[in-house]
Amino acid sequence: MGPVYKSLSEQHRNVIFLKLDIDQQSNIARRWNVSSVPTFSCVINGKEIDKVVGADKTGLERKIAEHGSRKQ
């Protein structure tokens, strides 16, 4: 998913993409209920509004298209 993540972050400059090592930042992983890798959370104004769990390129693209244009 690394190349997909990089490509999507370059295509969607209006979206903030963050990468987290859950072994290094386990407190953050717990806070966002990350139990599987990869997990992609859609967060607006500090609230999780959607999530994609697993290497689902199509699902991730769909969620970015759906939520990426929302105002913060």
PDB file of N, CA and C in Angstrom:
ATOM      1  N   MET A   1       0.818  -1.207   0.000  1.00  0.00           N
ATOM      2  CA  MET A   1       0.000   0.000   0.000  1.00  0.00           C
ATOM      3  C   MET A   1       0.854   1.260   0.000  1.00  0.00           C
ATOM      4  N   GLY A   2       2.134   1.131   0.276  1.00  0.00           N
ATOM      5  CA  GLY A   2       2.998   2.307   0.315  1.00  0.00           C
ATOM      6  C   GLY A   2       2.940   3.149  -0.944  1.00  0.00           C
ATOM      7  N   PRO A   3       3.125   2.553  -2.131  1.00  0.00           N
ATOM      8  CA  PRO A   3       3.048   3.338  -3.363  1.00  0.00           C
ATOM      9  C   PRO A   3       1.663   3.944  -3.596  1.00  0.00           C
ATOM     10  N   VAL A   4       0.617   3.227  -3.224  1.00  0.00           N
ATOM     11  CA  VAL A   4      -0.752   3.746  -3.371  1.00  0.00           C
ATOM     12  C   VAL A   4      -0.940   4.957  -2.465  1.00  0.00           C
ATOM     13  N   TYR A   5      -0.503   4.835  -1.225  1.00  0.00           N
ATOM     14  CA  TYR A   5      -0.583   5.931  -0.250  1.00  0.00           C
ATOM     15  C   TYR A   5       0.144   7.167  -0.775  1.00  0.00           C
ATOM     16  N   LYS A   6       1.348   6.970  -1.279  1.00  0.00           N
ATOM     17  CA  LYS A   6       2.148   8.085  -1.811  1.00  0.00           C
ATOM     18  C   LYS A   6       1.439   8.737  -2.993  1.00  0.00           C
ATOM     19  N   SER A   7       0.947   7.928  -3.906  1.00  0.00           N
ATOM     20  CA  SER A   7       0.253   8.447  -5.077  1.00  0.00           C
ATOM     21  C   SER A   7      -1.001   9.226  -4.691  1.00  0.00           C
ATOM     22  N   LEU A   8      -1.796   8.682  -3.779  1.00  0.00           N
ATOM     23  CA  LEU A   8      -3.014   9.374  -3.350  1.00  0.00           C
ATOM     24  C   LEU A   8      -2.696  10.687  -2.651  1.00  0.00           C
ATOM     25  N   SER A   9      -1.640  10.702  -1.850  1.00  0.00           N
ATOM     26  CA  SER A   9      -1.276  11.941  -1.156  1.00  0.00           C
ATOM     27  C   SER A   9      -0.816  13.008  -2.144  1.00  0.00           C
ATOM     28  N   GLU A  10      -0.220  12.596  -3.248  1.00  0.00           N
ATOM     29  CA  GLU A  10       0.199  13.552  -4.274  1.00  0.00           C
ATOM     30  C   GLU A  10      -0.984  14.042  -5.098  1.00  0.00           C
ATOM     31  N   GLN A  11      -1.973  13.193  -5.303  1.00  0.00           N
ATOM     32  CA  GLN A  11      -3.157  13.554  -6.089  1.00  0.00           C
ATOM     33  C   GLN A  11      -4.142  14.424  -5.312  1.00  0.00           C
ATOM     34  N   HIS A  12      -4.167  14.283  -4.005  1.00  0.00           N
ATOM     35  CA  HIS A  12      -5.162  14.973  -3.165  1.00  0.00           C
ATOM     36  C   HIS A  12      -4.438  15.911  -2.198  1.00  0.00           C
ATOM     37  N   ARG A  13      -3.964  17.007  -2.719  1.00  0.00           N
ATOM     38  CA  ARG A  13      -3.187  17.962  -1.913  1.00  0.00           C
ATOM     39  C   ARG A  13      -4.021  18.655  -0.845  1.00  0.00           C
ATOM     40  N   ASN A  14      -5.338  18.628  -0.980  1.00  0.00           N
ATOM     41  CA  ASN A  14      -6.216  19.262   0.010  1.00  0.00           C
ATOM     42  C   ASN A  14      -6.461  18.364   1.227  1.00  0.00           C
ATOM     43  N   VAL A  15      -5.952  17.139   1.183  1.00  0.00           N
ATOM     44  CA  VAL A  15      -6.125  16.173   2.264  1.00  0.00           C
ATOM     45  C   VAL A  15      -4.791  15.998   2.983  1.00  0.00           C
ATOM     46  N   ILE A  16      -4.831  15.968   4.294  1.00  0.00           N
ATOM     47  CA  ILE A  16      -3.614  15.748   5.083  1.00  0.00           C
ATOM     48  C   ILE A  16      -3.455  14.253   5.307  1.00  0.00           C
ATOM     49  N   PHE A  17      -2.322  13.726   4.879  1.00  0.00           N
ATOM     50  CA  PHE A  17      -2.008  12.307   5.048  1.00  0.00           C
ATOM     51  C   PHE A  17      -0.935  12.178   6.124  1.00  0.00           C
ATOM     52  N   LEU A  18      -1.180  11.338   7.103  1.00  0.00           N
ATOM     53  CA  LEU A  18      -0.210  11.087   8.169  1.00  0.00           C
ATOM     54  C   LEU A  18       0.054   9.598   8.249  1.00  0.00           C
ATOM     55  N   LYS A  19       1.289   9.253   8.536  1.00  0.00           N
ATOM     56  CA  LYS A  19       1.662   7.847   8.677  1.00  0.00           C
ATOM     57  C   LYS A  19       2.150   7.625  10.096  1.00  0.00           C
ATOM     58  N   LEU A  20       1.723   6.528  10.686  1.00  0.00           N
ATOM     59  CA  LEU A  20       2.020   6.249  12.081  1.00  0.00           C
ATOM     60  C   LEU A  20       2.556   4.833  12.220  1.00  0.00           C
ATOM     61  N   ASP A  21       3.636   4.681  12.956  1.00  0.00           N
ATOM     62  CA  ASP A  21       4.160   3.359  13.303  1.00  0.00           C
ATOM     63  C   ASP A  21       3.501   2.968  14.619  1.00  0.00           C
ATOM     64  N   ILE A  22       2.557   2.029  14.568  1.00  0.00           N
ATOM     65  CA  ILE A  22       1.793   1.714  15.780  1.00  0.00           C
ATOM     66  C   ILE A  22       2.641   1.053  16.859  1.00  0.00           C
ATOM     67  N   ASP A  23       3.775   0.482  16.486  1.00  0.00           N
ATOM     68  CA  ASP A  23       4.672  -0.072  17.501  1.00  0.00           C
ATOM     69  C   ASP A  23       5.368   1.044  18.274  1.00  0.00           C
ATOM     70  N   GLN A  24       5.656   2.143  17.598  1.00  0.00           N
ATOM     71  CA  GLN A  24       6.314   3.283  18.230  1.00  0.00           C
ATOM     72  C   GLN A  24       5.322   4.220  18.920  1.00  0.00           C
ATOM     73  N   GLN A  25       4.106   4.273  18.426  1.00  0.00           N
ATOM     74  CA  GLN A  25       3.084   5.202  18.940  1.00  0.00           C
ATOM     75  C   GLN A  25       1.831   4.434  19.365  1.00  0.00           C
ATOM     76  N   SER A  26       2.003   3.464  20.238  1.00  0.00           N
ATOM     77  CA  SER A  26       0.883   2.600  20.627  1.00  0.00           C
ATOM     78  C   SER A  26      -0.246   3.371  21.315  1.00  0.00           C
ATOM     79  N   ASN A  27       0.087   4.453  22.010  1.00  0.00           N
ATOM     80  CA  ASN A  27      -0.960   5.251  22.664  1.00  0.00           C
ATOM     81  C   ASN A  27      -1.892   5.887  21.632  1.00  0.00           C
ATOM     82  N   ILE A  28      -1.332   6.338  20.532  1.00  0.00           N
ATOM     83  CA  ILE A  28      -2.156   6.928  19.470  1.00  0.00           C
ATOM     84  C   ILE A  28      -2.976   5.837  18.790  1.00  0.00           C
ATOM     85  N   ALA A  29      -2.370   4.682  18.570  1.00  0.00           N
ATOM     86  CA  ALA A  29      -3.093   3.558  17.963  1.00  0.00           C
ATOM     87  C   ALA A  29      -4.290   3.163  18.826  1.00  0.00           C
ATOM     88  N   ARG A  30      -4.107   3.128  20.134  1.00  0.00           N
ATOM     89  CA  ARG A  30      -5.223   2.813  21.036  1.00  0.00           C
ATOM     90  C   ARG A  30      -6.301   3.885  20.972  1.00  0.00           C
ATOM     91  N   ARG A  31      -5.883   5.134  20.964  1.00  0.00           N
ATOM     92  CA  ARG A  31      -6.837   6.263  20.933  1.00  0.00           C
ATOM     93  C   ARG A  31      -7.760   6.181  19.723  1.00  0.00           C
ATOM     94  N   TRP A  32      -7.217   5.735  18.573  1.00  0.00           N
ATOM     95  CA  TRP A  32      -7.982   5.668  17.336  1.00  0.00           C
ATOM     96  C   TRP A  32      -8.437   4.242  17.016  1.00  0.00           C
ATOM     97  N   ASN A  33      -8.328   3.340  17.998  1.00  0.00           N
ATOM     98  CA  ASN A  33      -8.790   1.956  17.846  1.00  0.00           C
ATOM     99  C   ASN A  33      -8.198   1.255  16.624  1.00  0.00           C
ATOM    100  N   VAL A  34      -6.896   1.408  16.448  1.00  0.00           N
ATOM    101  CA  VAL A  34      -6.201   0.734  15.354  1.00  0.00           C
ATOM    102  C   VAL A  34      -5.731  -0.620  15.863  1.00  0.00           C
ATOM    103  N   SER A  35      -6.280  -1.670  15.285  1.00  0.00           N
ATOM    104  CA  SER A  35      -5.877  -3.016  15.690  1.00  0.00           C
ATOM    105  C   SER A  35      -5.353  -3.827  14.512  1.00  0.00           C
ATOM    106  N   SER A  36      -5.563  -3.333  13.295  1.00  0.00           N
ATOM    107  CA  SER A  36      -5.082  -3.990  12.085  1.00  0.00           C
ATOM    108  C   SER A  36      -4.290  -3.001  11.251  1.00  0.00           C
ATOM    109  N   VAL A  37      -3.337  -3.541  10.506  1.00  0.00           N
ATOM    110  CA  VAL A  37      -2.507  -2.702   9.649  1.00  0.00           C
ATOM    111  C   VAL A  37      -2.666  -3.193   8.217  1.00  0.00           C
ATOM    112  N   PRO A  38      -2.913  -2.289   7.275  1.00  0.00           N
ATOM    113  CA  PRO A  38      -3.071  -0.859   7.471  1.00  0.00           C
ATOM    114  C   PRO A  38      -4.498  -0.482   7.880  1.00  0.00           C
ATOM    115  N   THR A  39      -4.592   0.642   8.558  1.00  0.00           N
ATOM    116  CA  THR A  39      -5.868   1.262   8.894  1.00  0.00           C
ATOM    117  C   THR A  39      -5.795   2.717   8.471  1.00  0.00           C
ATOM    118  N   PHE A  40      -6.808   3.176   7.769  1.00  0.00           N
ATOM    119  CA  PHE A  40      -6.878   4.560   7.304  1.00  0.00           C
ATOM    120  C   PHE A  40      -8.104   5.202   7.937  1.00  0.00           C
ATOM    121  N   SER A  41      -7.893   6.238   8.719  1.00  0.00           N
ATOM    122  CA  SER A  41      -8.990   6.940   9.379  1.00  0.00           C
ATOM    123  C   SER A  41      -9.246   8.262   8.680  1.00  0.00           C
ATOM    124  N   CYS A  42     -10.506   8.567   8.460  1.00  0.00           N
ATOM    125  CA  CYS A  42     -10.909   9.866   7.927  1.00  0.00           C
ATOM    126  C   CYS A  42     -11.341  10.702   9.128  1.00  0.00           C
ATOM    127  N   VAL A  43     -10.607  11.775   9.385  1.00  0.00           N
ATOM    128  CA  VAL A  43     -10.845  12.600  10.564  1.00  0.00           C
ATOM    129  C   VAL A  43     -11.129  14.031  10.118  1.00  0.00           C
ATOM    130  N   ILE A  44     -12.202  14.589  10.624  1.00  0.00           N
ATOM    131  CA  ILE A  44     -12.532  15.994  10.366  1.00  0.00           C
ATOM    132  C   ILE A  44     -12.833  16.639  11.706  1.00  0.00           C
ATOM    133  N   ASN A  45     -12.169  17.765  11.964  1.00  0.00           N
ATOM    134  CA  ASN A  45     -12.332  18.499  13.221  1.00  0.00           C
ATOM    135  C   ASN A  45     -12.114  17.605  14.435  1.00  0.00           C
ATOM    136  N   GLY A  46     -11.135  16.717  14.344  1.00  0.00           N
ATOM    137  CA  GLY A  46     -10.775  15.865  15.464  1.00  0.00           C
ATOM    138  C   GLY A  46     -11.679  14.669  15.691  1.00  0.00           C
ATOM    139  N   LYS A  47     -12.666  14.477  14.822  1.00  0.00           N
ATOM    140  CA  LYS A  47     -13.595  13.357  14.979  1.00  0.00           C
ATOM    141  C   LYS A  47     -13.452  12.393  13.807  1.00  0.00           C
ATOM    142  N   GLU A  48     -13.360  11.115  14.139  1.00  0.00           N
ATOM    143  CA  GLU A  48     -13.293  10.103  13.089  1.00  0.00           C
ATOM    144  C   GLU A  48     -14.668   9.967  12.453  1.00  0.00           C
ATOM    145  N   ILE A  49     -14.728  10.175  11.148  1.00  0.00           N
ATOM    146  CA  ILE A  49     -16.007  10.083  10.447  1.00  0.00           C
ATOM    147  C   ILE A  49     -16.101   8.832   9.584  1.00  0.00           C
ATOM    148  N   ASP A  50     -14.970   8.198   9.333  1.00  0.00           N
ATOM    149  CA  ASP A  50     -14.963   6.989   8.519  1.00  0.00           C
ATOM    150  C   ASP A  50     -13.630   6.287   8.688  1.00  0.00           C
ATOM    151  N   LYS A  51     -13.570   5.037   8.232  1.00  0.00           N
ATOM    152  CA  LYS A  51     -12.349   4.252   8.393  1.00  0.00           C
ATOM    153  C   LYS A  51     -12.293   3.187   7.307  1.00  0.00           C
ATOM    154  N   VAL A  52     -11.083   2.916   6.825  1.00  0.00           N
ATOM    155  CA  VAL A  52     -10.836   1.805   5.911  1.00  0.00           C
ATOM    156  C   VAL A  52      -9.798   0.919   6.586  1.00  0.00           C
ATOM    157  N   VAL A  53     -10.136  -0.346   6.776  1.00  0.00           N
ATOM    158  CA  VAL A  53      -9.216  -1.290   7.410  1.00  0.00           C
ATOM    159  C   VAL A  53      -8.792  -2.310   6.366  1.00  0.00           C
ATOM    160  N   GLY A  54      -7.487  -2.488   6.247  1.00  0.00           N
ATOM    161  CA  GLY A  54      -6.954  -3.437   5.281  1.00  0.00           C
ATOM    162  C   GLY A  54      -6.451  -2.743   4.029  1.00  0.00           C
ATOM    163  N   ALA A  55      -5.813  -3.516   3.180  1.00  0.00           N
ATOM    164  CA  ALA A  55      -5.208  -2.986   1.956  1.00  0.00           C
ATOM    165  C   ALA A  55      -6.255  -2.910   0.851  1.00  0.00           C
ATOM    166  N   ASP A  56      -7.223  -2.032   1.042  1.00  0.00           N
ATOM    167  CA  ASP A  56      -8.348  -1.872   0.120  1.00  0.00           C
ATOM    168  C   ASP A  56      -8.173  -0.576  -0.664  1.00  0.00           C
ATOM    169  N   LYS A  57      -7.433  -0.649  -1.772  1.00  0.00           N
ATOM    170  CA  LYS A  57      -7.138   0.542  -2.572  1.00  0.00           C
ATOM    171  C   LYS A  57      -8.420   1.220  -3.050  1.00  0.00           C
ATOM    172  N   THR A  58      -9.348   0.449  -3.581  1.00  0.00           N
ATOM    173  CA  THR A  58     -10.594   1.019  -4.096  1.00  0.00           C
ATOM    174  C   THR A  58     -11.406   1.673  -2.983  1.00  0.00           C
ATOM    175  N   GLY A  59     -11.494   1.013  -1.846  1.00  0.00           N
ATOM    176  CA  GLY A  59     -12.218   1.580  -0.711  1.00  0.00           C
ATOM    177  C   GLY A  59     -11.588   2.866  -0.217  1.00  0.00           C
ATOM    178  N   LEU A  60     -10.260   2.896  -0.173  1.00  0.00           N
ATOM    179  CA  LEU A  60      -9.558   4.098   0.267  1.00  0.00           C
ATOM    180  C   LEU A  60      -9.786   5.239  -0.714  1.00  0.00           C
ATOM    181  N   GLU A  61      -9.684   4.955  -2.000  1.00  0.00           N
ATOM    182  CA  GLU A  61      -9.932   5.987  -3.014  1.00  0.00           C
ATOM    183  C   GLU A  61     -11.355   6.522  -2.898  1.00  0.00           C
ATOM    184  N   ARG A  62     -12.304   5.645  -2.664  1.00  0.00           N
ATOM    185  CA  ARG A  62     -13.707   6.046  -2.530  1.00  0.00           C
ATOM    186  C   ARG A  62     -13.901   6.969  -1.327  1.00  0.00           C
ATOM    187  N   LYS A  63     -13.294   6.616  -0.204  1.00  0.00           N
ATOM    188  CA  LYS A  63     -13.438   7.432   1.010  1.00  0.00           C
ATOM    189  C   LYS A  63     -12.779   8.797   0.842  1.00  0.00           C
ATOM    190  N   ILE A  64     -11.627   8.839   0.185  1.00  0.00           N
ATOM    191  CA  ILE A  64     -10.960  10.124  -0.048  1.00  0.00           C
ATOM    192  C   ILE A  64     -11.822  10.992  -0.949  1.00  0.00           C
ATOM    193  N   ALA A  65     -12.397  10.401  -1.994  1.00  0.00           N
ATOM    194  CA  ALA A  65     -13.276  11.162  -2.884  1.00  0.00           C
ATOM    195  C   ALA A  65     -14.511  11.658  -2.137  1.00  0.00           C
ATOM    196  N   GLU A  66     -15.039  10.826  -1.265  1.00  0.00           N
ATOM    197  CA  GLU A  66     -16.253  11.174  -0.519  1.00  0.00           C
ATOM    198  C   GLU A  66     -16.004  12.262   0.516  1.00  0.00           C
ATOM    199  N   HIS A  67     -14.915  12.150   1.258  1.00  0.00           N
ATOM    200  CA  HIS A  67     -14.685  13.050   2.386  1.00  0.00           C
ATOM    201  C   HIS A  67     -13.638  14.130   2.119  1.00  0.00           C
ATOM    202  N   GLY A  68     -12.849  13.970   1.076  1.00  0.00           N
ATOM    203  CA  GLY A  68     -11.731  14.882   0.834  1.00  0.00           C
ATOM    204  C   GLY A  68     -12.121  16.309   0.525  1.00  0.00           C
ATOM    205  N   SER A  69     -13.332  16.518   0.067  1.00  0.00           N
ATOM    206  CA  SER A  69     -13.757  17.875  -0.275  1.00  0.00           C
ATOM    207  C   SER A  69     -14.541  18.554   0.840  1.00  0.00           C
ATOM    208  N   ARG A  70     -14.738  17.860   1.958  1.00  0.00           N
ATOM    209  CA  ARG A  70     -15.468  18.464   3.087  1.00  0.00           C
ATOM    210  C   ARG A  70     -14.660  19.585   3.711  1.00  0.00           C
ATOM    211  N   LYS A  71     -15.353  20.581   4.170  1.00  0.00           N
ATOM    212  CA  LYS A  71     -14.712  21.706   4.861  1.00  0.00           C
ATOM    213  C   LYS A  71     -14.425  21.324   6.299  1.00  0.00           C
ATOM    214  N   GLN A  72     -13.287  21.798   6.795  1.00  0.00           N
ATOM    215  CA  GLN A  72     -12.925  21.542   8.194  1.00  0.00           C
ATOM    216  C   GLN A  72     -13.329  22.704   9.050  1.00  0.00           C
TER     217      GLN A  72
END
